[in-house]
Amino acid sequence: MKRSGGRRLAWIAIALWLAVGVGVWNTVFDRGIQAAEERYMALQARHQPSVTIRGVMDPAIHDAAVTATWWAAVPLAAGLVGVLLIARRARARLTVRENPSCRVP
């Protein structure tokens, strides 16, 4: 495989892992917001006068963003490290094939 083809595949893999990271972040964030909405509606149903949507949602938005970021970072980091390791291994094999004197005994 040519180097340019390998680089293109590596960039495609990186783009796919970024898409996975965005998807995970969005899913976890949306679930956190949905839970906060349900909590707000339950508090309103109990007729608690001190409950405001801002008082419930502002901390929930922050918490959901932090949680989503951590959850998205794990598969994104694992995928990017995997692509990096595979690309290095492929580059090393290509170097050995191009220059047989580089072979390690």
N, C-alpha and C. Protein backbone atom coordinates (compact mmCIF):
# COMPACT_ATOMS: atom_id res chain seq x y z
N MET A 1 0.84 -1.18 0.00
CA MET A 1 0.00 0.00 0.00
C MET A 1 0.89 1.24 0.00
N LYS A 2 0.52 2.21 -0.78
CA LYS A 2 1.29 3.44 -0.84
C LYS A 2 1.11 4.23 0.45
N ARG A 3 2.07 5.10 0.70
CA ARG A 3 1.99 5.95 1.89
C ARG A 3 0.79 6.87 1.84
N SER A 4 0.50 7.45 0.69
CA SER A 4 -0.63 8.37 0.60
C SER A 4 -1.95 7.65 0.86
N GLY A 5 -2.05 6.40 0.41
CA GLY A 5 -3.26 5.62 0.68
C GLY A 5 -3.40 5.31 2.16
N GLY A 6 -2.29 5.01 2.81
CA GLY A 6 -2.32 4.75 4.25
C GLY A 6 -2.67 5.98 5.05
N ARG A 7 -2.14 7.11 4.62
CA ARG A 7 -2.47 8.37 5.31
C ARG A 7 -3.94 8.70 5.15
N ARG A 8 -4.45 8.47 3.96
CA ARG A 8 -5.87 8.75 3.73
C ARG A 8 -6.74 7.85 4.61
N LEU A 9 -6.37 6.58 4.71
CA LEU A 9 -7.13 5.68 5.58
C LEU A 9 -7.02 6.11 7.04
N ALA A 10 -5.85 6.58 7.45
CA ALA A 10 -5.68 7.05 8.82
C ALA A 10 -6.58 8.26 9.09
N TRP A 11 -6.64 9.19 8.13
CA TRP A 11 -7.50 10.37 8.32
C TRP A 11 -8.98 9.99 8.33
N ILE A 12 -9.34 9.01 7.52
CA ILE A 12 -10.73 8.53 7.54
C ILE A 12 -11.04 7.91 8.89
N ALA A 13 -10.12 7.11 9.41
CA ALA A 13 -10.32 6.50 10.73
C ALA A 13 -10.42 7.56 11.82
N ILE A 14 -9.58 8.59 11.74
CA ILE A 14 -9.65 9.67 12.72
C ILE A 14 -11.00 10.38 12.64
N ALA A 15 -11.45 10.64 11.43
CA ALA A 15 -12.76 11.30 11.26
C ALA A 15 -13.89 10.45 11.82
N LEU A 16 -13.80 9.14 11.62
CA LEU A 16 -14.84 8.25 12.16
C LEU A 16 -14.81 8.24 13.69
N TRP A 17 -13.62 8.22 14.27
CA TRP A 17 -13.53 8.26 15.74
C TRP A 17 -14.03 9.58 16.29
N LEU A 18 -13.77 10.68 15.57
CA LEU A 18 -14.32 11.97 16.00
C LEU A 18 -15.85 11.94 15.95
N ALA A 19 -16.39 11.32 14.91
CA ALA A 19 -17.85 11.20 14.81
C ALA A 19 -18.41 10.36 15.96
N VAL A 20 -17.71 9.31 16.32
CA VAL A 20 -18.14 8.49 17.47
C VAL A 20 -18.10 9.33 18.74
N GLY A 21 -17.04 10.10 18.93
CA GLY A 21 -16.94 10.97 20.10
C GLY A 21 -18.06 11.98 20.17
N VAL A 22 -18.38 12.60 19.04
CA VAL A 22 -19.48 13.57 19.00
C VAL A 22 -20.80 12.89 19.30
N GLY A 23 -21.00 11.71 18.73
CA GLY A 23 -22.24 10.97 18.98
C GLY A 23 -22.41 10.58 20.45
N VAL A 24 -21.33 10.11 21.06
CA VAL A 24 -21.39 9.75 22.48
C VAL A 24 -21.66 10.99 23.32
N TRP A 25 -20.96 12.08 23.03
CA TRP A 25 -21.15 13.31 23.81
C TRP A 25 -22.59 13.78 23.70
N ASN A 26 -23.11 13.82 22.50
CA ASN A 26 -24.47 14.30 22.29
C ASN A 26 -25.50 13.42 23.00
N THR A 27 -25.32 12.12 22.94
CA THR A 27 -26.25 11.19 23.58
C THR A 27 -26.23 11.36 25.10
N VAL A 28 -25.05 11.40 25.69
CA VAL A 28 -24.95 11.53 27.14
C VAL A 28 -25.46 12.90 27.60
N PHE A 29 -25.13 13.96 26.86
CA PHE A 29 -25.60 15.29 27.21
C PHE A 29 -27.13 15.36 27.14
N ASP A 30 -27.69 14.84 26.06
CA ASP A 30 -29.15 14.86 25.92
C ASP A 30 -29.83 14.08 27.04
N ARG A 31 -29.25 12.96 27.43
CA ARG A 31 -29.85 12.17 28.52
C ARG A 31 -29.78 12.94 29.83
N GLY A 32 -28.70 13.66 30.08
CA GLY A 32 -28.59 14.47 31.29
C GLY A 32 -29.62 15.59 31.31
N ILE A 33 -29.83 16.23 30.17
CA ILE A 33 -30.83 17.30 30.08
C ILE A 33 -32.23 16.73 30.24
N GLN A 34 -32.49 15.59 29.64
CA GLN A 34 -33.80 14.96 29.76
C GLN A 34 -34.10 14.61 31.22
N ALA A 35 -33.12 14.10 31.93
CA ALA A 35 -33.32 13.77 33.35
C ALA A 35 -33.62 15.03 34.16
N ALA A 36 -32.94 16.14 33.84
CA ALA A 36 -33.20 17.39 34.55
C ALA A 36 -34.60 17.92 34.24
N GLU A 37 -35.02 17.78 33.00
CA GLU A 37 -36.38 18.20 32.64
C GLU A 37 -37.42 17.39 33.41
N GLU A 38 -37.19 16.10 33.50
CA GLU A 38 -38.13 15.24 34.24
C GLU A 38 -38.13 15.61 35.72
N ARG A 39 -36.96 15.92 36.26
CA ARG A 39 -36.88 16.33 37.66
C ARG A 39 -37.64 17.64 37.89
N TYR A 40 -37.47 18.59 36.97
CA TYR A 40 -38.17 19.87 37.08
C TYR A 40 -39.69 19.66 37.01
N MET A 41 -40.14 18.84 36.08
CA MET A 41 -41.58 18.60 35.94
C MET A 41 -42.14 17.91 37.19
N ALA A 42 -41.38 17.00 37.78
CA ALA A 42 -41.84 16.34 39.01
C ALA A 42 -41.94 17.33 40.15
N LEU A 43 -40.96 18.23 40.26
CA LEU A 43 -41.01 19.24 41.32
C LEU A 43 -42.16 20.21 41.09
N GLN A 44 -42.43 20.56 39.86
CA GLN A 44 -43.56 21.45 39.56
C GLN A 44 -44.88 20.76 39.86
N ALA A 45 -44.96 19.47 39.60
CA ALA A 45 -46.19 18.73 39.87
C ALA A 45 -46.50 18.68 41.35
N ARG A 46 -45.48 18.79 42.17
CA ARG A 46 -45.69 18.80 43.63
C ARG A 46 -46.00 20.20 44.13
N HIS A 47 -46.08 21.17 43.22
CA HIS A 47 -46.42 22.57 43.54
C HIS A 47 -45.44 23.20 44.52
N GLN A 48 -44.17 22.97 44.29
CA GLN A 48 -43.17 23.60 45.14
C GLN A 48 -42.88 24.99 44.57
N PRO A 49 -43.24 26.03 45.29
CA PRO A 49 -43.14 27.39 44.74
C PRO A 49 -41.71 27.90 44.54
N SER A 50 -40.77 27.37 45.26
CA SER A 50 -39.39 27.88 45.15
C SER A 50 -38.63 27.31 43.96
N VAL A 51 -39.25 26.43 43.20
CA VAL A 51 -38.57 25.77 42.08
C VAL A 51 -38.73 26.62 40.82
N THR A 52 -37.59 26.96 40.23
CA THR A 52 -37.61 27.65 38.93
C THR A 52 -36.89 26.78 37.91
N ILE A 53 -37.23 26.99 36.67
CA ILE A 53 -36.57 26.20 35.63
C ILE A 53 -35.07 26.52 35.58
N ARG A 54 -34.74 27.77 35.82
CA ARG A 54 -33.33 28.17 35.82
C ARG A 54 -32.59 27.50 36.98
N GLY A 55 -33.23 27.42 38.13
CA GLY A 55 -32.60 26.81 39.29
C GLY A 55 -32.34 25.33 39.11
N VAL A 56 -33.16 24.67 38.31
CA VAL A 56 -32.97 23.24 38.06
C VAL A 56 -32.06 23.01 36.86
N MET A 57 -32.24 23.77 35.80
CA MET A 57 -31.55 23.48 34.55
C MET A 57 -30.10 23.98 34.50
N ASP A 58 -29.81 25.12 35.12
CA ASP A 58 -28.44 25.64 35.04
C ASP A 58 -27.40 24.66 35.60
N PRO A 59 -27.60 24.14 36.81
CA PRO A 59 -26.61 23.14 37.27
C PRO A 59 -26.65 21.86 36.45
N ALA A 60 -27.84 21.50 35.96
CA ALA A 60 -27.95 20.27 35.17
C ALA A 60 -27.20 20.39 33.85
N ILE A 61 -27.24 21.55 33.24
CA ILE A 61 -26.52 21.75 31.98
C ILE A 61 -25.01 21.59 32.20
N HIS A 62 -24.52 22.19 33.27
CA HIS A 62 -23.09 22.07 33.59
C HIS A 62 -22.72 20.61 33.86
N ASP A 63 -23.51 19.96 34.71
CA ASP A 63 -23.21 18.57 35.05
C ASP A 63 -23.29 17.66 33.83
N ALA A 64 -24.28 17.89 32.98
CA ALA A 64 -24.43 17.06 31.77
C ALA A 64 -23.25 17.28 30.83
N ALA A 65 -22.79 18.51 30.70
CA ALA A 65 -21.66 18.79 29.81
C ALA A 65 -20.37 18.13 30.32
N VAL A 66 -20.14 18.21 31.62
CA VAL A 66 -18.94 17.59 32.20
C VAL A 66 -19.00 16.07 32.05
N THR A 67 -20.13 15.50 32.39
CA THR A 67 -20.29 14.04 32.28
C THR A 67 -20.14 13.58 30.83
N ALA A 68 -20.77 14.29 29.91
CA ALA A 68 -20.69 13.92 28.49
C ALA A 68 -19.26 14.02 27.98
N THR A 69 -18.54 15.03 28.43
CA THR A 69 -17.15 15.19 27.99
C THR A 69 -16.30 14.02 28.45
N TRP A 70 -16.47 13.60 29.69
CA TRP A 70 -15.70 12.45 30.18
C TRP A 70 -16.07 11.18 29.43
N TRP A 71 -17.36 10.97 29.23
CA TRP A 71 -17.79 9.75 28.53
C TRP A 71 -17.33 9.75 27.08
N ALA A 72 -17.30 10.89 26.43
CA ALA A 72 -16.85 10.94 25.03
C ALA A 72 -15.34 10.84 24.92
N ALA A 73 -14.62 11.30 25.93
CA ALA A 73 -13.16 11.30 25.87
C ALA A 73 -12.59 9.88 25.85
N VAL A 74 -13.24 8.97 26.52
CA VAL A 74 -12.70 7.60 26.62
C VAL A 74 -12.65 6.90 25.25
N PRO A 75 -13.78 6.76 24.55
CA PRO A 75 -13.67 6.07 23.24
C PRO A 75 -12.88 6.88 22.22
N LEU A 76 -12.97 8.21 22.30
CA LEU A 76 -12.22 9.04 21.37
C LEU A 76 -10.72 8.86 21.57
N ALA A 77 -10.27 8.90 22.80
CA ALA A 77 -8.84 8.71 23.08
C ALA A 77 -8.39 7.31 22.68
N ALA A 78 -9.18 6.31 23.02
CA ALA A 78 -8.81 4.93 22.67
C ALA A 78 -8.71 4.76 21.15
N GLY A 79 -9.67 5.33 20.43
CA GLY A 79 -9.66 5.22 18.98
C GLY A 79 -8.48 5.94 18.36
N LEU A 80 -8.19 7.15 18.84
CA LEU A 80 -7.08 7.91 18.27
C LEU A 80 -5.74 7.27 18.59
N VAL A 81 -5.60 6.73 19.79
CA VAL A 81 -4.36 6.02 20.13
C VAL A 81 -4.23 4.78 19.26
N GLY A 82 -5.32 4.08 19.05
CA GLY A 82 -5.28 2.90 18.17
C GLY A 82 -4.86 3.24 16.75
N VAL A 83 -5.42 4.32 16.21
CA VAL A 83 -5.04 4.74 14.86
C VAL A 83 -3.56 5.12 14.82
N LEU A 84 -3.10 5.83 15.84
CA LEU A 84 -1.69 6.23 15.89
C LEU A 84 -0.78 5.00 15.93
N LEU A 85 -1.11 4.03 16.77
CA LEU A 85 -0.27 2.83 16.87
C LEU A 85 -0.26 2.03 15.58
N ILE A 86 -1.43 1.89 14.97
CA ILE A 86 -1.51 1.15 13.71
C ILE A 86 -0.74 1.87 12.61
N ALA A 87 -0.86 3.21 12.58
CA ALA A 87 -0.13 3.97 11.56
C ALA A 87 1.38 3.85 11.76
N ARG A 88 1.84 3.89 13.00
CA ARG A 88 3.28 3.73 13.26
C ARG A 88 3.77 2.35 12.84
N ARG A 89 2.97 1.33 13.16
CA ARG A 89 3.37 -0.02 12.80
C ARG A 89 3.42 -0.17 11.28
N ALA A 90 2.43 0.39 10.59
CA ALA A 90 2.40 0.31 9.12
C ALA A 90 3.58 1.07 8.53
N ARG A 91 3.90 2.23 9.10
CA ARG A 91 5.03 3.02 8.61
C ARG A 91 6.34 2.26 8.81
N ALA A 92 6.49 1.58 9.95
CA ALA A 92 7.71 0.81 10.21
C ALA A 92 7.83 -0.35 9.22
N ARG A 93 6.73 -1.03 8.94
CA ARG A 93 6.78 -2.12 7.96
C ARG A 93 7.14 -1.61 6.58
N LEU A 94 6.58 -0.47 6.21
CA LEU A 94 6.86 0.10 4.90
C LEU A 94 8.32 0.50 4.80
N THR A 95 8.90 1.04 5.87
CA THR A 95 10.30 1.43 5.87
C THR A 95 11.19 0.20 5.70
N VAL A 96 10.86 -0.88 6.37
CA VAL A 96 11.65 -2.11 6.28
C VAL A 96 11.54 -2.69 4.87
N ARG A 97 10.36 -2.64 4.28
CA ARG A 97 10.21 -3.17 2.92
C ARG A 97 10.99 -2.34 1.90
N GLU A 98 11.02 -1.02 2.10
CA GLU A 98 11.73 -0.14 1.17
C GLU A 98 13.25 -0.25 1.32
N ASN A 99 13.70 -0.50 2.54
CA ASN A 99 15.14 -0.53 2.80
C ASN A 99 15.45 -1.77 3.62
N PRO A 100 15.77 -2.87 2.98
CA PRO A 100 16.02 -4.13 3.69
C PRO A 100 17.15 -4.05 4.72
N SER A 101 18.07 -3.10 4.58
CA SER A 101 19.17 -2.98 5.55
C SER A 101 18.68 -2.50 6.90
N CYS A 102 17.44 -2.04 6.99
CA CYS A 102 16.89 -1.54 8.27
C CYS A 102 16.34 -2.67 9.13
N ARG A 103 16.36 -3.88 8.63
CA ARG A 103 15.78 -4.99 9.37
C ARG A 103 16.52 -5.24 10.67
N VAL A 104 15.74 -5.52 11.68
CA VAL A 104 16.31 -5.82 12.98
C VAL A 104 16.45 -7.33 13.09
N PRO A 105 17.62 -7.81 13.51
CA PRO A 105 17.81 -9.28 13.59
C PRO A 105 16.94 -9.90 14.64
